[in-house]
Amino acid sequence: MSMKVTIDGITVDVEPGTSILNAARQIGGDIVPPAMCYYSKLQGSGGKCRTCLVKVTKGSEKDPRPMPKLVASCRTGVMDGMEVQNITSPEVVEARKGVVEMLLINHPLDCPVCDQAGECHLQDLGFEHGAAKTRYEFDRRTFEKIDIGDKIQLHMTRCILCYRCVFTADQITNTRLHGILNRGDHSEISTYISKAVDNDFSGNVIDVCPVGALTDKTFRFKNRVWFTKPVEAHRDCDKCCGKVTLWYKGEDVIRVTGRKDVYGEVEEFICNTCRFDKKKTADWVIEGPRKVSHQSVISANHYEFTPLPVVKTNPVLMEANKEQFERETRL
């Protein structure tokens, strides 16, 4: 039995138990609320950042009363006949502006040197909903940079406490050695008694971080994301799916990440061997260029298809991706 929910005037049928956010994602486009902490692959995520606030103007067919306050769409389930306002509600837009201002209170203005620049969700939020000035008059909180393993560096000053990395380590690894320490304004992601995060899937905390708090030490300061070329590839791996995105600069693979969907969520988590140890084209079967949104800074930097010097290729996938990408770039 499906339910009908209307979001910004568009009605969609969804399964019982679907959240308002996922219902909006079924519709797609601009009506999808932003989400900094919710991650569909991680159980229990959501409800932390409040960027996905929406206004429920009609609770359901049985109880049409509106909800008295704005609700977090990632944690609120739909009811049959529910009506929701997102970008059509001035109240939601103003509230989201306040949430972004709060997220940026302690966040440093170091986008020019941050490795996350160009694929940072907080940058997008700041551009779409941020205020020109802040009302915050106190000093920003600062933390020392720390290593939580030989391949990962934590910039706690940039962290927005979305908990994604904690959920990732808790749910896809055997042990979790890091979490939230302290409370209130002193809360921070850290390891207990300086233990290092060391397991086969620890690198996934880099992929799920929506800002530049957790960065890949093997990629730090090597290049800007808009000067690189993302290419889909795979390999036979006994630990993970082996499906990744290779980031090229010229003929060199300078970074390997999990493949992400349109909402920036990893499709399948990958192991550290694929992420950190396989940085040669010969290690992979190349499928072709990654589909890049026209709004992306990568696309703006004249991202074009050029043949790569590969050792192992899949000609069918290469040709199909090439034709698709050339067709889209002409639009």
C-alpha atoms as a PDB file:
ATOM      1  CA  MET A   1       0.000   0.000   0.000  1.00  0.00           C
ATOM      2  CA  SER A   2       1.528   3.277  -1.107  1.00  0.00           C
ATOM      3  CA  MET A   3       1.043   6.741   0.330  1.00  0.00           C
ATOM      4  CA  LYS A   4       0.609  10.061  -1.447  1.00  0.00           C
ATOM      5  CA  VAL A   5       2.637  13.042  -0.309  1.00  0.00           C
ATOM      6  CA  THR A   6       2.764  16.475  -1.926  1.00  0.00           C
ATOM      7  CA  ILE A   7       5.983  18.485  -1.738  1.00  0.00           C
ATOM      8  CA  ASP A   8       6.036  22.019  -3.143  1.00  0.00           C
ATOM      9  CA  GLY A   9       2.918  21.203  -5.166  1.00  0.00           C
ATOM     10  CA  ILE A  10       4.271  17.964  -6.677  1.00  0.00           C
ATOM     11  CA  THR A  11       2.616  14.709  -5.626  1.00  0.00           C
ATOM     12  CA  VAL A  12       4.466  11.397  -5.436  1.00  0.00           C
ATOM     13  CA  ASP A  13       3.555   7.878  -4.312  1.00  0.00           C
ATOM     14  CA  VAL A  14       5.913   6.419  -1.704  1.00  0.00           C
ATOM     15  CA  GLU A  15       6.134   3.312   0.423  1.00  0.00           C
ATOM     16  CA  PRO A  16       5.080   3.451   4.113  1.00  0.00           C
ATOM     17  CA  GLY A  17       7.981   4.416   6.369  1.00  0.00           C
ATOM     18  CA  THR A  18       9.581   6.703   3.775  1.00  0.00           C
ATOM     19  CA  SER A  19      10.963   9.949   5.170  1.00  0.00           C
ATOM     20  CA  ILE A  20      10.011  13.323   3.706  1.00  0.00           C
ATOM     21  CA  LEU A  21      13.599  13.763   2.497  1.00  0.00           C
ATOM     22  CA  ASN A  22      13.614  10.475   0.574  1.00  0.00           C
ATOM     23  CA  ALA A  23      10.178  11.251  -0.828  1.00  0.00           C
ATOM     24  CA  ALA A  24      11.590  14.537  -2.146  1.00  0.00           C
ATOM     25  CA  ARG A  25      14.543  12.635  -3.612  1.00  0.00           C
ATOM     26  CA  GLN A  26      12.119  10.482  -5.576  1.00  0.00           C
ATOM     27  CA  ILE A  27      10.844  13.677  -7.184  1.00  0.00           C
ATOM     28  CA  GLY A  28      14.319  15.185  -7.567  1.00  0.00           C
ATOM     29  CA  GLY A  29      15.340  18.663  -8.639  1.00  0.00           C
ATOM     30  CA  ASP A  30      15.449  21.818  -6.558  1.00  0.00           C
ATOM     31  CA  ILE A  31      12.758  20.709  -4.107  1.00  0.00           C
ATOM     32  CA  VAL A  32      15.100  18.184  -2.471  1.00  0.00           C
ATOM     33  CA  PRO A  33      16.166  19.598   0.936  1.00  0.00           C
ATOM     34  CA  PRO A  34      19.923  19.741   1.576  1.00  0.00           C
ATOM     35  CA  ALA A  35      21.362  17.185   4.002  1.00  0.00           C
ATOM     36  CA  MET A  36      24.724  17.462   5.738  1.00  0.00           C
ATOM     37  CA  CYS A  37      24.364  14.668   8.294  1.00  0.00           C
ATOM     38  CA  TYR A  38      21.845  12.221   6.783  1.00  0.00           C
ATOM     39  CA  TYR A  39      23.396   9.353   4.809  1.00  0.00           C
ATOM     40  CA  SER A  40      21.095   6.698   3.382  1.00  0.00           C
ATOM     41  CA  LYS A  41      23.763   3.976   3.691  1.00  0.00           C
ATOM     42  CA  LEU A  42      24.267   4.597   7.426  1.00  0.00           C
ATOM     43  CA  GLN A  43      21.663   3.407   9.913  1.00  0.00           C
ATOM     44  CA  GLY A  44      20.691   6.018  12.496  1.00  0.00           C
ATOM     45  CA  SER A  45      22.141   8.992  10.630  1.00  0.00           C
ATOM     46  CA  GLY A  46      20.248  12.263  10.349  1.00  0.00           C
ATOM     47  CA  GLY A  47      18.731  14.758  12.750  1.00  0.00           C
ATOM     48  CA  LYS A  48      21.995  16.480  13.631  1.00  0.00           C
ATOM     49  CA  CYS A  49      22.580  19.392  11.250  1.00  0.00           C
ATOM     50  CA  ARG A  50      18.960  20.653  10.773  1.00  0.00           C
ATOM     51  CA  THR A  51      19.647  21.886   7.237  1.00  0.00           C
ATOM     52  CA  CYS A  52      16.792  19.747   5.877  1.00  0.00           C
ATOM     53  CA  LEU A  53      14.034  21.567   7.805  1.00  0.00           C
ATOM     54  CA  VAL A  54      10.681  21.717   6.011  1.00  0.00           C
ATOM     55  CA  LYS A  55       7.183  22.962   6.786  1.00  0.00           C
ATOM     56  CA  VAL A  56       4.324  20.435   7.010  1.00  0.00           C
ATOM     57  CA  THR A  57       1.174  22.364   6.115  1.00  0.00           C
ATOM     58  CA  LYS A  58      -1.092  19.301   6.223  1.00  0.00           C
ATOM     59  CA  GLY A  59      -0.400  16.318   8.433  1.00  0.00           C
ATOM     60  CA  SER A  60      -2.494  13.723   6.581  1.00  0.00           C
ATOM     61  CA  GLU A  61      -5.943  13.043   5.186  1.00  0.00           C
ATOM     62  CA  LYS A  62      -7.142  11.761   8.570  1.00  0.00           C
ATOM     63  CA  ASP A  63      -5.602  14.644  10.510  1.00  0.00           C
ATOM     64  CA  PRO A  64      -5.138  17.667   8.221  1.00  0.00           C
ATOM     65  CA  ARG A  65      -3.781  19.926  10.957  1.00  0.00           C
ATOM     66  CA  PRO A  66      -0.370  21.441  10.127  1.00  0.00           C
ATOM     67  CA  MET A  67       2.615  20.632  12.304  1.00  0.00           C
ATOM     68  CA  PRO A  68       3.257  23.563  14.660  1.00  0.00           C
ATOM     69  CA  LYS A  69       7.013  23.774  13.991  1.00  0.00           C
ATOM     70  CA  LEU A  70       9.421  23.108  11.176  1.00  0.00           C
ATOM     71  CA  VAL A  71      10.555  19.474  11.142  1.00  0.00           C
ATOM     72  CA  ALA A  72      13.715  17.692  10.048  1.00  0.00           C
ATOM     73  CA  SER A  73      12.699  16.001   6.801  1.00  0.00           C
ATOM     74  CA  CYS A  74      15.316  13.248   7.187  1.00  0.00           C
ATOM     75  CA  ARG A  75      13.736  12.029  10.442  1.00  0.00           C
ATOM     76  CA  THR A  76      10.051  12.639   9.753  1.00  0.00           C
ATOM     77  CA  GLY A  77       8.031   9.925   8.052  1.00  0.00           C
ATOM     78  CA  VAL A  78       5.351  10.732   5.505  1.00  0.00           C
ATOM     79  CA  MET A  79       1.638  10.184   6.093  1.00  0.00           C
ATOM     80  CA  ASP A  80      -0.974   9.585   3.403  1.00  0.00           C
ATOM     81  CA  GLY A  81      -2.175  12.949   2.118  1.00  0.00           C
ATOM     82  CA  MET A  82       0.630  14.937   3.754  1.00  0.00           C
ATOM     83  CA  GLU A  83       1.512  18.296   2.206  1.00  0.00           C
ATOM     84  CA  VAL A  84       4.987  19.772   2.646  1.00  0.00           C
ATOM     85  CA  GLN A  85       6.639  23.054   1.714  1.00  0.00           C
ATOM     86  CA  ASN A  86      10.363  23.339   1.143  1.00  0.00           C
ATOM     87  CA  ILE A  87      11.638  26.074  -1.172  1.00  0.00           C
ATOM     88  CA  THR A  88       8.127  27.505  -1.535  1.00  0.00           C
ATOM     89  CA  SER A  89       8.049  28.468   2.157  1.00  0.00           C
ATOM     90  CA  PRO A  90       9.742  31.756   3.138  1.00  0.00           C
ATOM     91  CA  GLU A  91       9.823  30.472   6.707  1.00  0.00           C
ATOM     92  CA  VAL A  92      11.886  27.432   5.677  1.00  0.00           C
ATOM     93  CA  VAL A  93      14.275  29.523   3.589  1.00  0.00           C
ATOM     94  CA  GLU A  94      14.848  31.930   6.482  1.00  0.00           C
ATOM     95  CA  ALA A  95      15.336  29.090   8.976  1.00  0.00           C
ATOM     96  CA  ARG A  96      17.837  27.380   6.677  1.00  0.00           C
ATOM     97  CA  LYS A  97      19.740  30.630   6.409  1.00  0.00           C
ATOM     98  CA  GLY A  98      20.015  30.689  10.208  1.00  0.00           C
ATOM     99  CA  VAL A  99      21.164  27.058  10.327  1.00  0.00           C
ATOM    100  CA  VAL A 100      23.909  27.759   7.779  1.00  0.00           C
ATOM    101  CA  GLU A 101      24.996  30.782   9.795  1.00  0.00           C
ATOM    102  CA  MET A 102      25.309  28.557  12.863  1.00  0.00           C
ATOM    103  CA  LEU A 103      27.297  25.910  10.968  1.00  0.00           C
ATOM    104  CA  LEU A 104      29.711  28.595   9.803  1.00  0.00           C
ATOM    105  CA  ILE A 105      30.179  30.160  13.247  1.00  0.00           C
ATOM    106  CA  ASN A 106      33.340  28.188  13.981  1.00  0.00           C
ATOM    107  CA  HIS A 107      34.173  26.999  10.477  1.00  0.00           C
ATOM    108  CA  PRO A 108      37.428  28.573   9.248  1.00  0.00           C
ATOM    109  CA  LEU A 109      37.486  30.544   6.021  1.00  0.00           C
ATOM    110  CA  ASP A 110      40.243  28.436   4.474  1.00  0.00           C
ATOM    111  CA  CYS A 111      38.472  27.272   1.305  1.00  0.00           C
ATOM    112  CA  PRO A 112      41.440  28.455  -0.842  1.00  0.00           C
ATOM    113  CA  VAL A 113      43.705  25.851   0.814  1.00  0.00           C
ATOM    114  CA  CYS A 114      41.155  23.163   1.696  1.00  0.00           C
ATOM    115  CA  ASP A 115      41.287  19.903  -0.286  1.00  0.00           C
ATOM    116  CA  GLN A 116      37.497  19.620  -0.089  1.00  0.00           C
ATOM    117  CA  ALA A 117      37.012  22.825  -2.092  1.00  0.00           C
ATOM    118  CA  GLY A 118      34.990  22.215  -5.219  1.00  0.00           C
ATOM    119  CA  GLU A 119      33.089  19.236  -3.801  1.00  0.00           C
ATOM    120  CA  CYS A 120      32.146  20.632  -0.397  1.00  0.00           C
ATOM    121  CA  HIS A 121      28.470  20.599   0.577  1.00  0.00           C
ATOM    122  CA  LEU A 122      29.019  23.396   3.069  1.00  0.00           C
ATOM    123  CA  GLN A 123      30.328  25.608   0.267  1.00  0.00           C
ATOM    124  CA  ASP A 124      27.146  24.921  -1.685  1.00  0.00           C
ATOM    125  CA  LEU A 125      24.977  25.716   1.338  1.00  0.00           C
ATOM    126  CA  GLY A 126      26.912  28.884   2.068  1.00  0.00           C
ATOM    127  CA  PHE A 127      26.476  30.053  -1.518  1.00  0.00           C
ATOM    128  CA  GLU A 128      22.750  29.238  -1.662  1.00  0.00           C
ATOM    129  CA  HIS A 129      21.623  30.203   1.855  1.00  0.00           C
ATOM    130  CA  GLY A 130      24.509  31.994   3.580  1.00  0.00           C
ATOM    131  CA  ALA A 131      24.440  35.571   4.833  1.00  0.00           C
ATOM    132  CA  ALA A 132      26.991  38.150   3.755  1.00  0.00           C
ATOM    133  CA  LYS A 133      27.985  38.816   7.380  1.00  0.00           C
ATOM    134  CA  THR A 134      27.915  36.908  10.633  1.00  0.00           C
ATOM    135  CA  ARG A 135      26.424  38.177  13.889  1.00  0.00           C
ATOM    136  CA  TYR A 136      28.842  36.097  15.943  1.00  0.00           C
ATOM    137  CA  GLU A 137      31.167  38.321  17.971  1.00  0.00           C
ATOM    138  CA  PHE A 138      33.282  35.777  19.846  1.00  0.00           C
ATOM    139  CA  ASP A 139      36.485  34.026  18.873  1.00  0.00           C
ATOM    140  CA  ARG A 140      36.158  30.909  16.770  1.00  0.00           C
ATOM    141  CA  ARG A 141      37.055  27.647  18.457  1.00  0.00           C
ATOM    142  CA  THR A 142      40.260  26.074  17.187  1.00  0.00           C
ATOM    143  CA  PHE A 143      41.868  22.648  17.450  1.00  0.00           C
ATOM    144  CA  GLU A 144      45.265  21.277  16.556  1.00  0.00           C
ATOM    145  CA  LYS A 145      45.458  19.064  13.482  1.00  0.00           C
ATOM    146  CA  ILE A 146      45.876  15.418  14.426  1.00  0.00           C
ATOM    147  CA  ASP A 147      46.598  12.200  12.549  1.00  0.00           C
ATOM    148  CA  ILE A 148      44.152   9.359  13.137  1.00  0.00           C
ATOM    149  CA  GLY A 149      46.227   6.900  11.159  1.00  0.00           C
ATOM    150  CA  ASP A 150      49.048   7.094   8.673  1.00  0.00           C
ATOM    151  CA  LYS A 151      46.723   8.054   5.794  1.00  0.00           C
ATOM    152  CA  ILE A 152      44.062  10.289   7.415  1.00  0.00           C
ATOM    153  CA  GLN A 153      44.365  13.749   8.933  1.00  0.00           C
ATOM    154  CA  LEU A 154      41.654  15.359  11.059  1.00  0.00           C
ATOM    155  CA  HIS A 155      41.035  19.118  10.932  1.00  0.00           C
ATOM    156  CA  MET A 156      38.610  19.331  13.836  1.00  0.00           C
ATOM    157  CA  THR A 157      38.338  23.109  13.349  1.00  0.00           C
ATOM    158  CA  ARG A 158      36.436  22.424  10.106  1.00  0.00           C
ATOM    159  CA  CYS A 159      34.148  19.729  11.582  1.00  0.00           C
ATOM    160  CA  ILE A 160      30.392  20.380  11.813  1.00  0.00           C
ATOM    161  CA  LEU A 161      29.736  17.310  14.027  1.00  0.00           C
ATOM    162  CA  CYS A 162      27.555  15.479  11.517  1.00  0.00           C
ATOM    163  CA  TYR A 163      28.586  12.096  13.024  1.00  0.00           C
ATOM    164  CA  ARG A 164      28.870  10.456   9.593  1.00  0.00           C
ATOM    165  CA  CYS A 165      32.409   9.211  10.189  1.00  0.00           C
ATOM    166  CA  VAL A 166      31.417   7.750  13.569  1.00  0.00           C
ATOM    167  CA  PHE A 167      28.482   5.851  12.053  1.00  0.00           C
ATOM    168  CA  THR A 168      30.705   4.633   9.215  1.00  0.00           C
ATOM    169  CA  ALA A 169      33.382   3.264  11.509  1.00  0.00           C
ATOM    170  CA  ASP A 170      30.728   1.768  13.779  1.00  0.00           C
ATOM    171  CA  GLN A 171      28.798  -0.038  11.050  1.00  0.00           C
ATOM    172  CA  ILE A 172      31.270  -1.178   8.389  1.00  0.00           C
ATOM    173  CA  THR A 173      34.358  -1.956  10.464  1.00  0.00           C
ATOM    174  CA  ASN A 174      35.035  -4.476  13.212  1.00  0.00           C
ATOM    175  CA  THR A 175      36.172  -1.902  15.745  1.00  0.00           C
ATOM    176  CA  ARG A 176      35.579   1.793  16.289  1.00  0.00           C
ATOM    177  CA  LEU A 177      38.271   3.720  18.101  1.00  0.00           C
ATOM    178  CA  HIS A 178      37.020   7.246  17.540  1.00  0.00           C
ATOM    179  CA  GLY A 179      33.893   9.148  18.490  1.00  0.00           C
ATOM    180  CA  ILE A 180      32.598  12.372  20.041  1.00  0.00           C
ATOM    181  CA  LEU A 181      34.513  13.563  23.074  1.00  0.00           C
ATOM    182  CA  ASN A 182      33.350  16.286  25.520  1.00  0.00           C
ATOM    183  CA  ARG A 183      30.096  18.224  25.280  1.00  0.00           C
ATOM    184  CA  GLY A 184      28.625  21.451  23.959  1.00  0.00           C
ATOM    185  CA  ASP A 185      31.021  23.885  22.321  1.00  0.00           C
ATOM    186  CA  HIS A 186      33.946  21.675  23.344  1.00  0.00           C
ATOM    187  CA  SER A 187      32.658  18.597  21.461  1.00  0.00           C
ATOM    188  CA  GLU A 188      35.131  17.107  19.029  1.00  0.00           C
ATOM    189  CA  ILE A 189      35.772  14.036  16.919  1.00  0.00           C
ATOM    190  CA  SER A 190      38.825  12.282  18.303  1.00  0.00           C
ATOM    191  CA  THR A 191      40.378   8.963  19.194  1.00  0.00           C
ATOM    192  CA  TYR A 192      40.374   7.705  22.754  1.00  0.00           C
ATOM    193  CA  ILE A 193      43.793   8.059  24.437  1.00  0.00           C
ATOM    194  CA  SER A 194      45.457   8.825  21.085  1.00  0.00           C
ATOM    195  CA  LYS A 195      44.667   5.476  19.485  1.00  0.00           C
ATOM    196  CA  ALA A 196      44.994   5.381  15.692  1.00  0.00           C
ATOM    197  CA  VAL A 197      42.143   4.355  13.423  1.00  0.00           C
ATOM    198  CA  ASP A 198      43.576   1.284  11.728  1.00  0.00           C
ATOM    199  CA  ASN A 199      41.372  -1.160   9.817  1.00  0.00           C
ATOM    200  CA  ASP A 200      40.735  -2.182   6.220  1.00  0.00           C
ATOM    201  CA  PHE A 201      37.839   0.238   5.696  1.00  0.00           C
ATOM    202  CA  SER A 202      38.932   3.262   7.729  1.00  0.00           C
ATOM    203  CA  GLY A 203      39.423   5.401   4.613  1.00  0.00           C
ATOM    204  CA  ASN A 204      35.672   5.582   4.079  1.00  0.00           C
ATOM    205  CA  VAL A 205      35.416   8.223   6.808  1.00  0.00           C
ATOM    206  CA  ILE A 206      37.070  10.548   4.267  1.00  0.00           C
ATOM    207  CA  ASP A 207      34.379   9.925   1.656  1.00  0.00           C
ATOM    208  CA  VAL A 208      31.430  10.451   4.003  1.00  0.00           C
ATOM    209  CA  CYS A 209      32.737  13.703   5.531  1.00  0.00           C
ATOM    210  CA  PRO A 210      30.718  16.561   3.957  1.00  0.00           C
ATOM    211  CA  VAL A 211      33.406  19.165   4.695  1.00  0.00           C
ATOM    212  CA  GLY A 212      37.210  19.133   4.774  1.00  0.00           C
ATOM    213  CA  ALA A 213      37.562  17.853   8.338  1.00  0.00           C
ATOM    214  CA  LEU A 214      38.833  14.390   7.341  1.00  0.00           C
ATOM    215  CA  THR A 215      41.285  14.475   4.465  1.00  0.00           C
ATOM    216  CA  ASP A 216      43.381  11.977   2.524  1.00  0.00           C
ATOM    217  CA  LYS A 217      47.031  12.569   3.455  1.00  0.00           C
ATOM    218  CA  THR A 218      48.192  10.960   0.197  1.00  0.00           C
ATOM    219  CA  PHE A 219      46.242  13.608  -1.777  1.00  0.00           C
ATOM    220  CA  ARG A 220      46.716  16.680   0.422  1.00  0.00           C
ATOM    221  CA  PHE A 221      47.721  19.803  -1.508  1.00  0.00           C
ATOM    222  CA  LYS A 222      48.535  17.813  -4.654  1.00  0.00           C
ATOM    223  CA  ASN A 223      45.881  19.420  -6.835  1.00  0.00           C
ATOM    224  CA  ARG A 224      42.493  21.057  -7.062  1.00  0.00           C
ATOM    225  CA  VAL A 225      39.563  18.819  -7.820  1.00  0.00           C
ATOM    226  CA  TRP A 226      38.537  20.952 -10.815  1.00  0.00           C
ATOM    227  CA  PHE A 227      41.939  20.353 -12.430  1.00  0.00           C
ATOM    228  CA  THR A 228      41.509  16.581 -12.247  1.00  0.00           C
ATOM    229  CA  LYS A 229      39.595  14.108 -14.381  1.00  0.00           C
ATOM    230  CA  PRO A 230      37.338  11.534 -12.651  1.00  0.00           C
ATOM    231  CA  VAL A 231      37.236   8.163 -14.399  1.00  0.00           C
ATOM    232  CA  GLU A 232      35.186   5.079 -13.464  1.00  0.00           C
ATOM    233  CA  ALA A 233      37.179   1.883 -12.977  1.00  0.00           C
ATOM    234  CA  HIS A 234      37.045  -1.478 -11.236  1.00  0.00           C
ATOM    235  CA  ARG A 235      39.263  -4.373 -10.202  1.00  0.00           C
ATOM    236  CA  ASP A 236      38.859  -7.807  -8.671  1.00  0.00           C
ATOM    237  CA  CYS A 237      39.217  -7.235  -4.928  1.00  0.00           C
ATOM    238  CA  ASP A 238      38.789  -9.862  -2.222  1.00  0.00           C
ATOM    239  CA  LYS A 239      37.874  -7.237   0.388  1.00  0.00           C
ATOM    240  CA  CYS A 240      35.357  -4.927  -1.292  1.00  0.00           C
ATOM    241  CA  CYS A 241      33.359  -4.365  -4.481  1.00  0.00           C
ATOM    242  CA  GLY A 242      36.421  -2.905  -6.249  1.00  0.00           C
ATOM    243  CA  LYS A 243      34.315  -0.228  -8.006  1.00  0.00           C
ATOM    244  CA  VAL A 244      35.929   3.202  -7.674  1.00  0.00           C
ATOM    245  CA  THR A 245      36.478   6.611  -9.198  1.00  0.00           C
ATOM    246  CA  LEU A 246      40.057   7.337 -10.252  1.00  0.00           C
ATOM    247  CA  TRP A 247      41.067  10.998 -10.239  1.00  0.00           C
ATOM    248  CA  TYR A 248      43.659  11.722 -12.926  1.00  0.00           C
ATOM    249  CA  LYS A 249      46.060  14.593 -13.342  1.00  0.00           C
ATOM    250  CA  GLY A 250      47.549  14.018 -16.746  1.00  0.00           C
ATOM    251  CA  GLU A 251      48.488  10.335 -16.820  1.00  0.00           C
ATOM    252  CA  ASP A 252      48.875   9.976 -13.041  1.00  0.00           C
ATOM    253  CA  VAL A 253      46.236   8.687 -10.628  1.00  0.00           C
ATOM    254  CA  ILE A 254      46.484  11.100  -7.697  1.00  0.00           C
ATOM    255  CA  ARG A 255      43.395   9.970  -5.760  1.00  0.00           C
ATOM    256  CA  VAL A 256      41.011   7.031  -5.516  1.00  0.00           C
ATOM    257  CA  THR A 257      37.530   7.374  -3.989  1.00  0.00           C
ATOM    258  CA  GLY A 258      34.319   5.404  -3.783  1.00  0.00           C
ATOM    259  CA  ARG A 259      31.719   6.109  -6.440  1.00  0.00           C
ATOM    260  CA  LYS A 260      29.146   8.677  -5.312  1.00  0.00           C
ATOM    261  CA  ASP A 261      25.566   9.308  -6.362  1.00  0.00           C
ATOM    262  CA  VAL A 262      23.928  12.650  -7.166  1.00  0.00           C
ATOM    263  CA  TYR A 263      23.546  13.369  -3.436  1.00  0.00           C
ATOM    264  CA  GLY A 264      27.238  12.834  -2.712  1.00  0.00           C
ATOM    265  CA  GLU A 265      26.676   9.482  -1.005  1.00  0.00           C
ATOM    266  CA  VAL A 266      29.001   6.550  -1.639  1.00  0.00           C
ATOM    267  CA  GLU A 267      27.289   3.814  -3.642  1.00  0.00           C
ATOM    268  CA  GLU A 268      29.473   1.080  -2.134  1.00  0.00           C
ATOM    269  CA  PHE A 269      32.238   1.391   0.458  1.00  0.00           C
ATOM    270  CA  ILE A 270      35.748   0.439  -0.644  1.00  0.00           C
ATOM    271  CA  CYS A 271      38.749  -0.959   1.226  1.00  0.00           C
ATOM    272  CA  ASN A 272      42.003   0.817   2.021  1.00  0.00           C
ATOM    273  CA  THR A 273      43.934  -1.344  -0.443  1.00  0.00           C
ATOM    274  CA  CYS A 274      41.904   0.000  -3.366  1.00  0.00           C
ATOM    275  CA  ARG A 275      41.949   3.536  -1.977  1.00  0.00           C
ATOM    276  CA  PHE A 276      45.571   4.000  -0.979  1.00  0.00           C
ATOM    277  CA  ASP A 277      47.682   1.243  -2.566  1.00  0.00           C
ATOM    278  CA  LYS A 278      46.369   0.995  -6.126  1.00  0.00           C
ATOM    279  CA  LYS A 279      47.469   4.251  -7.729  1.00  0.00           C
ATOM    280  CA  LYS A 280      48.532   2.893 -11.131  1.00  0.00           C
ATOM    281  CA  THR A 281      46.362   2.666 -14.230  1.00  0.00           C
ATOM    282  CA  ALA A 282      47.595  -0.892 -14.752  1.00  0.00           C
ATOM    283  CA  ASP A 283      45.879  -1.897 -11.500  1.00  0.00           C
ATOM    284  CA  TRP A 284      42.430  -1.140 -12.907  1.00  0.00           C
ATOM    285  CA  VAL A 285      39.999  -1.933 -15.697  1.00  0.00           C
ATOM    286  CA  ILE A 286      38.964   1.473 -17.031  1.00  0.00           C
ATOM    287  CA  GLU A 287      35.248   1.884 -17.792  1.00  0.00           C
ATOM    288  CA  GLY A 288      35.253   5.487 -18.991  1.00  0.00           C
ATOM    289  CA  PRO A 289      34.778   9.091 -17.802  1.00  0.00           C
ATOM    290  CA  ARG A 290      32.539   9.682 -14.832  1.00  0.00           C
ATOM    291  CA  LYS A 291      29.280  11.461 -15.538  1.00  0.00           C
ATOM    292  CA  VAL A 292      29.693  14.996 -14.194  1.00  0.00           C
ATOM    293  CA  SER A 293      26.914  17.482 -13.484  1.00  0.00           C
ATOM    294  CA  HIS A 294      26.959  20.604 -15.645  1.00  0.00           C
ATOM    295  CA  GLN A 295      26.764  22.646 -12.434  1.00  0.00           C
ATOM    296  CA  SER A 296      29.982  21.084 -11.129  1.00  0.00           C
ATOM    297  CA  VAL A 297      33.219  23.040 -11.014  1.00  0.00           C
ATOM    298  CA  ILE A 298      34.816  20.048 -12.751  1.00  0.00           C
ATOM    299  CA  SER A 299      32.480  20.515 -15.723  1.00  0.00           C
ATOM    300  CA  ALA A 300      33.130  24.259 -15.711  1.00  0.00           C
ATOM    301  CA  ASN A 301      36.824  23.548 -16.159  1.00  0.00           C
ATOM    302  CA  HIS A 302      36.237  22.100 -19.650  1.00  0.00           C
ATOM    303  CA  TYR A 303      36.086  18.477 -18.588  1.00  0.00           C
ATOM    304  CA  GLU A 304      36.398  16.579 -21.861  1.00  0.00           C
ATOM    305  CA  PHE A 305      36.923  12.998 -22.937  1.00  0.00           C
ATOM    306  CA  THR A 306      40.467  12.127 -23.937  1.00  0.00           C
ATOM    307  CA  PRO A 307      41.841   8.598 -24.293  1.00  0.00           C
ATOM    308  CA  LEU A 308      43.868   7.468 -21.301  1.00  0.00           C
ATOM    309  CA  PRO A 309      47.047   5.376 -21.502  1.00  0.00           C
ATOM    310  CA  VAL A 310      45.510   2.228 -20.062  1.00  0.00           C
ATOM    311  CA  VAL A 311      46.834  -1.278 -19.830  1.00  0.00           C
ATOM    312  CA  LYS A 312      43.542  -3.067 -19.211  1.00  0.00           C
ATOM    313  CA  THR A 313      40.390  -1.636 -20.752  1.00  0.00           C
ATOM    314  CA  ASN A 314      36.815  -2.579 -21.397  1.00  0.00           C
ATOM    315  CA  PRO A 315      36.237  -1.356 -24.988  1.00  0.00           C
ATOM    316  CA  VAL A 316      32.441  -1.686 -24.841  1.00  0.00           C
ATOM    317  CA  LEU A 317      32.134   0.403 -21.667  1.00  0.00           C
ATOM    318  CA  MET A 318      34.698   2.922 -22.894  1.00  0.00           C
ATOM    319  CA  GLU A 319      32.831   3.534 -26.160  1.00  0.00           C
ATOM    320  CA  ALA A 320      29.409   3.705 -24.480  1.00  0.00           C
ATOM    321  CA  ASN A 321      30.619   6.205 -21.871  1.00  0.00           C
ATOM    322  CA  LYS A 322      32.411   8.264 -24.494  1.00  0.00           C
ATOM    323  CA  GLU A 323      29.298   8.600 -26.668  1.00  0.00           C
ATOM    324  CA  GLN A 324      27.089   9.402 -23.676  1.00  0.00           C
ATOM    325  CA  PHE A 325      29.493  11.997 -22.300  1.00  0.00           C
ATOM    326  CA  GLU A 326      30.047  13.740 -25.645  1.00  0.00           C
ATOM    327  CA  ARG A 327      26.271  13.888 -26.168  1.00  0.00           C
ATOM    328  CA  GLU A 328      25.716  15.478 -22.739  1.00  0.00           C
ATOM    329  CA  THR A 329      28.532  18.013 -23.055  1.00  0.00           C
ATOM    330  CA  ARG A 330      26.978  19.345 -26.254  1.00  0.00           C
ATOM    331  CA  LEU A 331      23.709  20.219 -24.470  1.00  0.00           C
END
